[in-house]
Amino acid sequence: MKLLLTSECTEDTLAIARALGEVLEPGDVVALTGDLGAGKTLFCKGIGEALGVPPDRIVSPSFVIATEHQGRLAFTHVDVYRLGSLREALEIGLDETMAGSGVCVVEWAEKVTELLPTDCIRVTFTVSGGDRRGISVVAPDQPRFEPFRVRSQRFQPGG
């Protein structure tokens, strides 16, 4: 399933993220890519909120690389922006983190492409000006993602 969505403001981005978060299951990895300031951390807040984590607890873990939160599912928020190599990612056990039993969301996922599961959910942000964002979501073609498609319909072209 591939969806092209448009966010006009931060609330739209949060709504899209919450809709995705509601269908996530243990073991899911969400790979976020996009320029600095594109909305990756905001998206993590929305996913976390859907998983029962207060959004004010979710901040960019750039200096600690990963933070774990408890909600209805364990939620690991990873930011690999400061990693210099794939080797560093392996040395800190990122491959094991992504293979965990909770939900793992990885910011700057393009830096660790080789470690991402083939069935991960890929979310790409494109800044269109101001607060407007293009958000591409590619997820496995599984029935459990249908509720996400339906909930995000208003953000799809012609929706």
N, C-alpha and C. Protein backbone atom coordinates (compact mmCIF):
# COMPACT_ATOMS: atom_id res chain seq x y z
N MET A 1 0.84 -1.17 0.00
CA MET A 1 0.00 0.00 0.00
C MET A 1 0.89 1.23 0.00
N LYS A 2 0.61 2.14 -0.89
CA LYS A 2 1.32 3.42 -0.91
C LYS A 2 0.30 4.54 -0.91
N LEU A 3 0.44 5.44 0.05
CA LEU A 3 -0.45 6.59 0.14
C LEU A 3 0.36 7.87 0.04
N LEU A 4 -0.15 8.82 -0.73
CA LEU A 4 0.44 10.14 -0.79
C LEU A 4 -0.53 11.08 -0.09
N LEU A 5 -0.06 11.67 1.01
CA LEU A 5 -0.91 12.50 1.85
C LEU A 5 -0.38 13.92 1.88
N THR A 6 -1.27 14.87 2.17
CA THR A 6 -0.87 16.26 2.30
C THR A 6 -1.28 16.77 3.68
N SER A 7 -0.31 17.34 4.37
CA SER A 7 -0.55 17.97 5.67
C SER A 7 -0.43 19.47 5.48
N GLU A 8 -1.46 20.19 5.88
CA GLU A 8 -1.46 21.65 5.77
C GLU A 8 -0.93 22.34 7.02
N CYS A 9 -0.88 21.58 8.15
CA CYS A 9 -0.48 22.16 9.43
C CYS A 9 -0.02 21.06 10.37
N THR A 10 0.51 21.46 11.52
CA THR A 10 1.00 20.47 12.48
C THR A 10 -0.12 19.54 12.95
N GLU A 11 -1.33 20.05 13.11
CA GLU A 11 -2.43 19.19 13.55
C GLU A 11 -2.73 18.10 12.53
N ASP A 12 -2.63 18.41 11.24
CA ASP A 12 -2.81 17.39 10.20
C ASP A 12 -1.75 16.30 10.34
N THR A 13 -0.49 16.71 10.52
CA THR A 13 0.60 15.75 10.65
C THR A 13 0.36 14.85 11.86
N LEU A 14 -0.07 15.44 12.97
CA LEU A 14 -0.38 14.65 14.17
C LEU A 14 -1.53 13.69 13.91
N ALA A 15 -2.56 14.15 13.20
CA ALA A 15 -3.72 13.29 12.91
C ALA A 15 -3.31 12.09 12.04
N ILE A 16 -2.47 12.32 11.05
CA ILE A 16 -1.99 11.23 10.20
C ILE A 16 -1.18 10.24 11.03
N ALA A 17 -0.30 10.77 11.89
CA ALA A 17 0.54 9.91 12.73
C ALA A 17 -0.31 9.11 13.71
N ARG A 18 -1.32 9.74 14.31
CA ARG A 18 -2.19 9.02 15.24
C ARG A 18 -2.93 7.89 14.52
N ALA A 19 -3.40 8.17 13.31
CA ALA A 19 -4.12 7.14 12.54
C ALA A 19 -3.20 5.95 12.25
N LEU A 20 -1.94 6.22 11.94
CA LEU A 20 -1.00 5.13 11.72
C LEU A 20 -0.72 4.41 13.04
N GLY A 21 -0.48 5.17 14.09
CA GLY A 21 -0.19 4.58 15.39
C GLY A 21 -1.28 3.64 15.88
N GLU A 22 -2.51 3.92 15.53
CA GLU A 22 -3.64 3.09 15.97
C GLU A 22 -3.62 1.69 15.37
N VAL A 23 -2.95 1.50 14.23
CA VAL A 23 -2.93 0.18 13.60
C VAL A 23 -1.60 -0.55 13.79
N LEU A 24 -0.66 0.08 14.49
CA LEU A 24 0.63 -0.56 14.68
C LEU A 24 0.52 -1.71 15.67
N GLU A 25 1.38 -2.70 15.45
CA GLU A 25 1.40 -3.91 16.27
C GLU A 25 2.80 -4.17 16.78
N PRO A 26 2.93 -5.03 17.80
CA PRO A 26 4.26 -5.38 18.30
C PRO A 26 5.16 -5.88 17.16
N GLY A 27 6.39 -5.38 17.15
CA GLY A 27 7.35 -5.77 16.12
C GLY A 27 7.40 -4.84 14.93
N ASP A 28 6.46 -3.90 14.82
CA ASP A 28 6.47 -2.96 13.69
C ASP A 28 7.62 -1.98 13.81
N VAL A 29 8.25 -1.70 12.68
CA VAL A 29 9.28 -0.67 12.57
C VAL A 29 8.78 0.36 11.58
N VAL A 30 8.83 1.63 12.00
CA VAL A 30 8.41 2.74 11.13
C VAL A 30 9.67 3.55 10.83
N ALA A 31 10.03 3.65 9.56
CA ALA A 31 11.23 4.35 9.12
C ALA A 31 10.85 5.73 8.58
N LEU A 32 11.33 6.78 9.25
CA LEU A 32 11.01 8.15 8.85
C LEU A 32 12.20 8.79 8.15
N THR A 33 11.93 9.40 6.98
CA THR A 33 12.97 10.14 6.26
C THR A 33 12.42 11.49 5.85
N GLY A 34 13.33 12.44 5.73
CA GLY A 34 12.94 13.79 5.32
C GLY A 34 13.96 14.78 5.84
N ASP A 35 13.92 15.97 5.30
CA ASP A 35 14.87 17.00 5.68
C ASP A 35 14.71 17.43 7.13
N LEU A 36 15.71 18.11 7.65
CA LEU A 36 15.67 18.68 8.98
C LEU A 36 14.47 19.62 9.07
N GLY A 37 13.66 19.46 10.10
CA GLY A 37 12.49 20.31 10.28
C GLY A 37 11.27 19.89 9.48
N ALA A 38 11.32 18.71 8.87
CA ALA A 38 10.21 18.27 8.01
C ALA A 38 9.01 17.74 8.79
N GLY A 39 9.21 17.40 10.06
CA GLY A 39 8.09 16.92 10.87
C GLY A 39 8.24 15.53 11.43
N LYS A 40 9.45 14.97 11.38
CA LYS A 40 9.66 13.60 11.84
C LYS A 40 9.37 13.45 13.34
N THR A 41 9.90 14.34 14.16
CA THR A 41 9.68 14.23 15.61
C THR A 41 8.21 14.49 15.94
N LEU A 42 7.58 15.42 15.26
CA LEU A 42 6.16 15.67 15.46
C LEU A 42 5.36 14.41 15.14
N PHE A 43 5.72 13.74 14.07
CA PHE A 43 5.06 12.49 13.68
C PHE A 43 5.22 11.44 14.78
N CYS A 44 6.41 11.38 15.37
CA CYS A 44 6.65 10.45 16.48
C CYS A 44 5.72 10.75 17.65
N LYS A 45 5.48 12.03 17.92
CA LYS A 45 4.57 12.42 19.00
C LYS A 45 3.16 11.87 18.72
N GLY A 46 2.71 11.97 17.48
CA GLY A 46 1.39 11.46 17.13
C GLY A 46 1.30 9.96 17.25
N ILE A 47 2.32 9.25 16.79
CA ILE A 47 2.33 7.79 16.94
C ILE A 47 2.32 7.44 18.43
N GLY A 48 3.20 8.10 19.18
CA GLY A 48 3.28 7.83 20.61
C GLY A 48 1.95 8.07 21.30
N GLU A 49 1.28 9.14 20.94
CA GLU A 49 -0.02 9.45 21.54
C GLU A 49 -1.02 8.33 21.28
N ALA A 50 -1.03 7.82 20.04
CA ALA A 50 -1.92 6.70 19.71
C ALA A 50 -1.57 5.44 20.49
N LEU A 51 -0.32 5.34 20.90
CA LEU A 51 0.13 4.18 21.67
C LEU A 51 0.00 4.40 23.18
N GLY A 52 -0.54 5.56 23.57
CA GLY A 52 -0.77 5.83 24.98
C GLY A 52 0.36 6.54 25.70
N VAL A 53 1.27 7.16 24.95
CA VAL A 53 2.39 7.90 25.54
C VAL A 53 2.07 9.39 25.44
N PRO A 54 2.11 10.11 26.56
CA PRO A 54 1.83 11.55 26.50
C PRO A 54 2.81 12.25 25.54
N PRO A 55 2.30 13.08 24.62
CA PRO A 55 3.16 13.69 23.61
C PRO A 55 4.28 14.57 24.19
N ASP A 56 4.08 15.14 25.38
CA ASP A 56 5.12 15.98 25.96
C ASP A 56 6.33 15.16 26.42
N ARG A 57 6.18 13.85 26.51
CA ARG A 57 7.31 12.99 26.88
C ARG A 57 8.16 12.61 25.68
N ILE A 58 7.67 12.89 24.49
CA ILE A 58 8.40 12.49 23.29
C ILE A 58 9.14 13.70 22.73
N VAL A 59 10.45 13.64 22.87
CA VAL A 59 11.32 14.69 22.34
C VAL A 59 12.39 14.01 21.50
N SER A 60 13.03 14.76 20.64
CA SER A 60 14.04 14.18 19.77
C SER A 60 15.18 13.60 20.61
N PRO A 61 15.45 12.30 20.46
CA PRO A 61 16.52 11.68 21.24
C PRO A 61 17.88 11.78 20.57
N SER A 62 18.15 12.88 19.86
CA SER A 62 19.38 13.01 19.09
C SER A 62 20.64 12.70 19.87
N PHE A 63 20.70 13.10 21.14
CA PHE A 63 21.93 12.91 21.89
C PHE A 63 21.99 11.57 22.60
N VAL A 64 20.84 10.95 22.86
CA VAL A 64 20.84 9.65 23.51
C VAL A 64 20.53 8.53 22.52
N ILE A 65 20.24 8.85 21.30
CA ILE A 65 19.94 7.96 20.18
C ILE A 65 18.56 7.28 20.31
N ALA A 66 18.26 6.69 21.47
CA ALA A 66 16.98 5.98 21.60
C ALA A 66 16.37 6.22 22.97
N THR A 67 15.06 6.38 22.98
CA THR A 67 14.31 6.46 24.24
C THR A 67 13.17 5.46 24.17
N GLU A 68 12.89 4.85 25.31
CA GLU A 68 11.80 3.88 25.38
C GLU A 68 10.67 4.45 26.22
N HIS A 69 9.46 4.19 25.78
CA HIS A 69 8.26 4.68 26.47
C HIS A 69 7.30 3.51 26.64
N GLN A 70 6.55 3.52 27.73
CA GLN A 70 5.54 2.49 27.95
C GLN A 70 4.16 3.10 27.70
N GLY A 71 3.39 2.41 26.90
CA GLY A 71 2.00 2.77 26.62
C GLY A 71 1.24 1.47 26.45
N ARG A 72 0.22 1.46 25.58
CA ARG A 72 -0.48 0.19 25.34
C ARG A 72 0.45 -0.82 24.70
N LEU A 73 1.49 -0.33 24.00
CA LEU A 73 2.60 -1.14 23.49
C LEU A 73 3.89 -0.42 23.86
N ALA A 74 4.96 -1.16 24.02
CA ALA A 74 6.26 -0.53 24.23
C ALA A 74 6.59 0.27 22.96
N PHE A 75 7.12 1.46 23.13
CA PHE A 75 7.40 2.36 22.01
C PHE A 75 8.84 2.85 22.14
N THR A 76 9.67 2.52 21.16
CA THR A 76 11.06 2.97 21.14
C THR A 76 11.20 4.01 20.04
N HIS A 77 11.67 5.19 20.42
CA HIS A 77 11.87 6.31 19.50
C HIS A 77 13.38 6.44 19.29
N VAL A 78 13.81 6.25 18.06
CA VAL A 78 15.23 6.25 17.72
C VAL A 78 15.52 7.40 16.77
N ASP A 79 16.62 8.11 17.01
CA ASP A 79 17.06 9.18 16.12
C ASP A 79 18.53 8.93 15.81
N VAL A 80 18.82 8.54 14.57
CA VAL A 80 20.19 8.18 14.20
C VAL A 80 20.94 9.32 13.51
N TYR A 81 20.41 10.53 13.62
CA TYR A 81 21.01 11.69 12.95
C TYR A 81 22.50 11.83 13.28
N ARG A 82 22.87 11.63 14.53
CA ARG A 82 24.26 11.86 14.96
C ARG A 82 25.18 10.66 14.74
N LEU A 83 24.65 9.54 14.29
CA LEU A 83 25.53 8.40 14.03
C LEU A 83 26.35 8.65 12.77
N GLY A 84 27.62 8.28 12.85
CA GLY A 84 28.51 8.53 11.73
C GLY A 84 28.60 7.39 10.73
N SER A 85 28.16 6.20 11.15
CA SER A 85 28.29 5.05 10.25
C SER A 85 27.33 3.94 10.65
N LEU A 86 27.16 3.02 9.74
CA LEU A 86 26.35 1.84 10.01
C LEU A 86 27.00 1.02 11.13
N ARG A 87 28.31 1.02 11.15
CA ARG A 87 29.04 0.28 12.19
C ARG A 87 28.66 0.80 13.58
N GLU A 88 28.57 2.11 13.73
CA GLU A 88 28.16 2.68 15.02
C GLU A 88 26.77 2.19 15.40
N ALA A 89 25.88 2.13 14.44
CA ALA A 89 24.52 1.65 14.70
C ALA A 89 24.55 0.21 15.20
N LEU A 90 25.37 -0.61 14.59
CA LEU A 90 25.50 -2.00 15.03
C LEU A 90 26.13 -2.09 16.41
N GLU A 91 27.12 -1.25 16.67
CA GLU A 91 27.80 -1.27 17.97
C GLU A 91 26.87 -0.93 19.13
N ILE A 92 25.88 -0.08 18.88
CA ILE A 92 24.95 0.26 19.97
C ILE A 92 23.73 -0.67 19.99
N GLY A 93 23.72 -1.66 19.10
CA GLY A 93 22.65 -2.67 19.10
C GLY A 93 21.36 -2.22 18.45
N LEU A 94 21.45 -1.31 17.49
CA LEU A 94 20.24 -0.82 16.84
C LEU A 94 19.48 -1.94 16.15
N ASP A 95 20.20 -2.91 15.59
CA ASP A 95 19.53 -4.03 14.94
C ASP A 95 18.68 -4.81 15.95
N GLU A 96 19.16 -4.96 17.18
CA GLU A 96 18.39 -5.64 18.22
C GLU A 96 17.21 -4.79 18.67
N THR A 97 17.42 -3.48 18.74
CA THR A 97 16.34 -2.57 19.13
C THR A 97 15.19 -2.68 18.14
N MET A 98 15.51 -2.70 16.86
CA MET A 98 14.47 -2.78 15.84
C MET A 98 13.80 -4.14 15.80
N ALA A 99 14.46 -5.16 16.33
CA ALA A 99 13.88 -6.51 16.35
C ALA A 99 13.10 -6.76 17.64
N GLY A 100 12.87 -5.70 18.42
CA GLY A 100 12.18 -5.84 19.70
C GLY A 100 10.72 -6.19 19.56
N SER A 101 10.08 -6.35 20.70
CA SER A 101 8.69 -6.79 20.71
C SER A 101 7.69 -5.64 20.74
N GLY A 102 8.18 -4.41 20.76
CA GLY A 102 7.28 -3.25 20.73
C GLY A 102 7.26 -2.62 19.36
N VAL A 103 6.91 -1.34 19.33
CA VAL A 103 6.93 -0.54 18.10
C VAL A 103 8.20 0.29 18.13
N CYS A 104 8.92 0.33 17.03
CA CYS A 104 10.14 1.12 16.92
C CYS A 104 9.98 2.12 15.77
N VAL A 105 10.20 3.41 16.08
CA VAL A 105 10.13 4.45 15.06
C VAL A 105 11.54 5.04 14.94
N VAL A 106 12.07 5.06 13.72
CA VAL A 106 13.44 5.50 13.47
C VAL A 106 13.45 6.77 12.64
N GLU A 107 13.96 7.87 13.24
CA GLU A 107 14.15 9.11 12.49
C GLU A 107 15.49 9.04 11.77
N TRP A 108 15.56 9.64 10.57
CA TRP A 108 16.75 9.63 9.72
C TRP A 108 17.07 8.20 9.29
N ALA A 109 16.04 7.42 9.03
CA ALA A 109 16.19 6.00 8.71
C ALA A 109 17.07 5.74 7.48
N GLU A 110 17.19 6.73 6.61
CA GLU A 110 18.02 6.53 5.42
C GLU A 110 19.48 6.26 5.78
N LYS A 111 19.89 6.62 6.99
CA LYS A 111 21.27 6.38 7.43
C LYS A 111 21.51 4.93 7.82
N VAL A 112 20.44 4.17 8.04
CA VAL A 112 20.58 2.77 8.47
C VAL A 112 19.72 1.84 7.62
N THR A 113 19.58 2.16 6.37
CA THR A 113 18.73 1.40 5.45
C THR A 113 19.02 -0.10 5.50
N GLU A 114 20.30 -0.45 5.59
CA GLU A 114 20.69 -1.86 5.59
C GLU A 114 20.15 -2.63 6.79
N LEU A 115 19.82 -1.94 7.87
CA LEU A 115 19.33 -2.59 9.08
C LEU A 115 17.81 -2.68 9.14
N LEU A 116 17.13 -1.94 8.29
CA LEU A 116 15.67 -1.91 8.34
C LEU A 116 15.07 -3.21 7.84
N PRO A 117 14.03 -3.70 8.53
CA PRO A 117 13.35 -4.90 8.04
C PRO A 117 12.70 -4.62 6.68
N THR A 118 12.63 -5.61 5.85
CA THR A 118 12.05 -5.41 4.51
C THR A 118 10.58 -5.04 4.58
N ASP A 119 9.89 -5.43 5.65
CA ASP A 119 8.47 -5.13 5.78
C ASP A 119 8.20 -3.90 6.65
N CYS A 120 9.21 -3.06 6.83
CA CYS A 120 8.98 -1.86 7.66
C CYS A 120 8.04 -0.89 6.94
N ILE A 121 7.47 -0.02 7.72
CA ILE A 121 6.58 1.01 7.20
C ILE A 121 7.45 2.23 6.92
N ARG A 122 7.43 2.71 5.70
CA ARG A 122 8.30 3.83 5.31
C ARG A 122 7.47 5.10 5.16
N VAL A 123 7.91 6.13 5.87
CA VAL A 123 7.21 7.42 5.83
C VAL A 123 8.23 8.47 5.40
N THR A 124 7.94 9.15 4.30
CA THR A 124 8.85 10.16 3.75
C THR A 124 8.15 11.51 3.76
N PHE A 125 8.85 12.51 4.28
CA PHE A 125 8.32 13.87 4.40
C PHE A 125 8.98 14.76 3.35
N THR A 126 8.16 15.58 2.68
CA THR A 126 8.65 16.58 1.74
C THR A 126 8.04 17.91 2.13
N VAL A 127 8.91 18.89 2.38
CA VAL A 127 8.43 20.22 2.75
C VAL A 127 7.97 20.93 1.48
N SER A 128 6.72 21.41 1.50
CA SER A 128 6.15 22.09 0.34
C SER A 128 6.07 23.60 0.52
N GLY A 129 6.53 24.08 1.66
CA GLY A 129 6.46 25.51 1.96
C GLY A 129 5.64 25.76 3.20
N GLY A 130 6.13 26.62 4.08
CA GLY A 130 5.42 26.90 5.32
C GLY A 130 5.24 25.64 6.13
N ASP A 131 4.02 25.41 6.59
CA ASP A 131 3.71 24.20 7.36
C ASP A 131 3.21 23.06 6.48
N ARG A 132 3.12 23.28 5.18
CA ARG A 132 2.60 22.27 4.26
C ARG A 132 3.66 21.18 4.02
N ARG A 133 3.20 19.92 4.11
CA ARG A 133 4.08 18.78 3.92
C ARG A 133 3.42 17.75 3.03
N GLY A 134 4.23 17.14 2.20
CA GLY A 134 3.81 15.92 1.52
C GLY A 134 4.29 14.77 2.38
N ILE A 135 3.43 13.81 2.63
CA ILE A 135 3.80 12.66 3.46
C ILE A 135 3.46 11.40 2.67
N SER A 136 4.48 10.66 2.32
CA SER A 136 4.31 9.40 1.60
C SER A 136 4.41 8.26 2.62
N VAL A 137 3.44 7.38 2.62
CA VAL A 137 3.45 6.23 3.53
C VAL A 137 3.40 4.96 2.68
N VAL A 138 4.41 4.13 2.85
CA VAL A 138 4.45 2.84 2.16
C VAL A 138 4.43 1.77 3.24
N ALA A 139 3.41 0.93 3.21
CA ALA A 139 3.24 -0.13 4.20
C ALA A 139 2.95 -1.43 3.48
N PRO A 140 3.22 -2.54 4.13
CA PRO A 140 2.88 -3.83 3.51
C PRO A 140 1.39 -3.89 3.18
N ASP A 141 1.06 -4.59 2.14
CA ASP A 141 -0.36 -4.76 1.76
C ASP A 141 -1.00 -5.78 2.70
N GLN A 142 -1.39 -5.30 3.86
CA GLN A 142 -2.04 -6.17 4.84
C GLN A 142 -3.38 -5.53 5.22
N PRO A 143 -4.39 -6.35 5.47
CA PRO A 143 -5.71 -5.81 5.82
C PRO A 143 -5.68 -4.87 7.02
N ARG A 144 -4.76 -5.06 7.96
CA ARG A 144 -4.76 -4.21 9.15
C ARG A 144 -4.43 -2.75 8.84
N PHE A 145 -3.89 -2.45 7.66
CA PHE A 145 -3.60 -1.07 7.29
C PHE A 145 -4.78 -0.36 6.63
N GLU A 146 -5.82 -1.11 6.33
CA GLU A 146 -7.01 -0.52 5.71
C GLU A 146 -7.63 0.57 6.60
N PRO A 147 -7.76 0.36 7.92
CA PRO A 147 -8.31 1.44 8.76
C PRO A 147 -7.45 2.72 8.70
N PHE A 148 -6.15 2.57 8.56
CA PHE A 148 -5.29 3.76 8.41
C PHE A 148 -5.61 4.48 7.11
N ARG A 149 -5.76 3.72 6.02
CA ARG A 149 -6.09 4.33 4.73
C ARG A 149 -7.40 5.09 4.83
N VAL A 150 -8.38 4.49 5.46
CA VAL A 150 -9.70 5.13 5.59
C VAL A 150 -9.59 6.39 6.45
N ARG A 151 -8.91 6.31 7.59
CA ARG A 151 -8.81 7.47 8.49
C ARG A 151 -8.00 8.62 7.89
N SER A 152 -7.12 8.29 6.96
CA SER A 152 -6.29 9.36 6.37
C SER A 152 -6.81 9.81 5.02
N GLN A 153 -8.00 9.36 4.65
CA GLN A 153 -8.58 9.69 3.34
C GLN A 153 -8.67 11.19 3.09
N ARG A 154 -9.02 11.95 4.11
CA ARG A 154 -9.18 13.41 3.90
C ARG A 154 -7.86 14.10 3.57
N PHE A 155 -6.73 13.42 3.79
CA PHE A 155 -5.42 13.99 3.49
C PHE A 155 -4.91 13.53 2.12
N GLN A 156 -5.67 12.65 1.46
CA GLN A 156 -5.29 12.14 0.15
C GLN A 156 -5.82 13.06 -0.95
N PRO A 157 -5.15 13.12 -2.08
CA PRO A 157 -5.66 13.96 -3.17
C PRO A 157 -7.10 13.59 -3.52
N GLY A 158 -7.95 14.59 -3.58
CA GLY A 158 -9.35 14.36 -3.88
C GLY A 158 -10.15 13.81 -2.72
N GLY A 159 -9.47 13.67 -1.53
CA GLY A 159 -10.12 13.08 -0.36
C GLY A 159 -11.07 13.99 0.29
